């Protein structure tokens, strides 16, 4: 019984780590890449970051 509890806790811990890394990576990618993507493809570099009040 105790072995099953520890196995379940280990599985939950591994799942939490995988989920945490995925969320962190996604948040990092979106926050660091989306502004350059927007400036290049959506706005066609018509505006500066200052004009859009991003800085």
Protein backbone atom coordinates (compact mmCIF):
# COMPACT_ATOMS: atom_id res chain seq x y z
CA UNK A 1 0.00 0.00 0.00
CA UNK A 2 2.76 2.45 0.91
CA UNK A 3 4.63 1.53 -2.27
CA UNK A 4 1.57 2.42 -4.34
CA UNK A 5 1.28 5.80 -2.63
CA UNK A 6 4.94 6.59 -3.34
CA UNK A 7 4.56 5.44 -6.94
CA UNK A 8 1.53 7.70 -7.38
CA UNK A 9 3.38 10.64 -5.80
CA UNK A 10 6.33 10.05 -8.13
CA UNK A 11 4.07 9.94 -11.17
CA UNK A 12 2.31 13.14 -10.12
CA UNK A 13 5.65 14.85 -9.54
CA UNK A 14 6.91 13.87 -13.00
CA UNK A 15 3.66 15.06 -14.57
CA UNK A 16 3.89 18.38 -12.69
CA UNK A 17 7.49 18.91 -13.84
CA UNK A 18 6.62 18.18 -17.47
CA UNK A 19 3.60 20.49 -17.30
CA UNK A 20 5.62 23.26 -15.62
CA UNK A 21 8.41 23.11 -18.19
CA UNK A 22 5.88 23.19 -21.03
CA UNK A 23 4.04 26.21 -19.64
CA UNK A 24 7.32 28.04 -18.95
CA UNK A 25 8.64 27.35 -22.46
CA UNK A 26 5.40 28.49 -24.06
CA UNK A 27 5.29 31.68 -21.99
CA UNK A 28 8.95 32.40 -22.77
CA UNK A 29 8.44 31.89 -26.50
CA UNK A 30 5.32 34.04 -26.66
CA UNK A 31 6.73 36.91 -24.60
CA UNK A 32 10.08 37.06 -26.40
CA UNK A 33 9.05 36.38 -29.96
CA UNK A 34 5.61 37.87 -30.51
CA UNK A 35 6.67 41.53 -30.62
CA UNK A 36 9.18 41.02 -33.43
CA UNK A 37 6.66 38.89 -35.29
CA UNK A 38 3.99 41.57 -34.94
CA UNK A 39 6.33 44.35 -36.03
CA UNK A 40 7.53 42.50 -39.11
CA UNK A 41 4.47 40.67 -40.41
CA UNK A 42 1.40 42.47 -39.06
CA UNK A 43 2.61 46.08 -39.09
CA UNK A 44 5.13 45.65 -41.96
CA UNK A 45 7.60 47.73 -39.86
CA UNK A 46 5.50 50.88 -40.41
CA UNK A 47 5.74 51.86 -36.75
CA UNK A 48 8.52 51.93 -34.20
CA UNK A 49 8.22 50.35 -30.77
CA UNK A 50 8.08 53.82 -29.24
CA UNK A 51 5.18 54.90 -31.46
CA UNK A 52 3.22 51.83 -30.36
CA UNK A 53 4.17 52.59 -26.73
CA UNK A 54 5.90 49.23 -26.25
CA UNK A 55 8.95 50.84 -24.63
